[in-house]
Amino acid sequence: MYKNNYELESEFNRRYSPTTSSILQILSNNSRATISEIAQALGISRNSAARRLKAIEKEFGISYTIELSQSRIGLQSPHIIQVKFDREADYEKIAEVLGNSYIPQITFRTYGLYDMVIYANATSKMRYAKWDREIRVALASKYGMHWRSSEVIIRRLGFFPFSNGLIDASRIQEKEKEILKILNSNSRMQMADIADNLGINYKTAIYRINELVKKKYIKRFTICMDPPKDSCLIGVFGRYLPPKDMAMASITTRRLFTNDDQSAIASRWQLKASLIGSYDTFAIGLFDNFYAAYSYGVKGFRSSLKSSGPISLSHARIGEVICGRLPIRNMDIKKEYREHMVAPKNSQ
């Protein structure tokens, strides 16, 4: 029988050293950390830190980005959509269709009880509604499908990367958009290169970036990664009836998603969002393999929450990313969960 991460360290994690895990955690918290800062934090030489970082970038397909505040840049309609096609779909053509709008942020193909998941966001509910109708007509006419959309109310763990197209569509000043798009594409870019790209001097670039942080447009300089090799990403949608004891249900849920801090990379939940609409919750977990994902992820999810009330789960293995970037986080999950427990409605 599969032993979950309470009992046995993940096989996947054992393939990577504590130094690898530490560097990923440092970059997740601050992707602009210098080589010297990384070396000092780990107690290794600067040359060793530089070599490790280069190897990790290649192994994990790291891209440097920023975590943006949805509310501060004027986004109003975050939704997660589950799609099941009636006929075989051409995902290359679907990617082209989705690419005609700034609204889809992350789309990945899945294998299991549904075929595709989309995270979408827009600058107004009207714009989202118009896109929703148009894309459903376009896809249903070709493939036939079941489309289940849920609004994201609170994002508890992890983050949703935004595209530069969404930043362009936001209601902030043009000069702020320019900086955010540069950092969104490469948050580790040298300050001198940022200044050159913007056609401003070095000190002005520093001032403008600091202002974006002060305004809370930028929540974190962080990273995205390709799904690690020889591992399994799984998406889980949940529906449940409100329990009589809401306080106990909240404690149970918090324990479920914060009990795996000892796991360095895998065998932990990477993202969780509370929804309203077709489903009540959505989570992404990273595990050694599908058997582990189902045994610990799906069955563990169901077992932990069934005492709080009836729950129905819909799961599928996450395959390739069709568009956007899928973050794999290595954070202090308990700290993340505490922060978002008090987050306002639609906080991202």
Foldseek 3Di string as FASTA:
>chain_A
DDDAPVVDFAPVLVVDDVLLLLVQAVQAFAVQDDLVNSCVVVVHDSVVSVVSVVVSCVQFVKFWAFFFKCVLQQWDFKKKKFKAFPADDDLLVVLVVVVVDQFWAWKFAWAFLTGIMTIGIANDPVVVVVVVVVSCVVVCVVTNMDMFMWTFWFKQFAGGQGALRRLVRTDDDPLLSLLNNVRRRHVNDDLCVSCVVSVHDSVVSVVSVVVCVVSRRTPGGHMATDQGPQKWKKKKFKAWDQFPPNVVLVVLVLCLQQVNLVHSFASHWHIKTATDGRTGIMTMHMHNDVVNCCVCPVVVVCVSRVVRGDMDMGMTITDDISDHTDGRHRYNSNVSNVVRVPDGTPTD
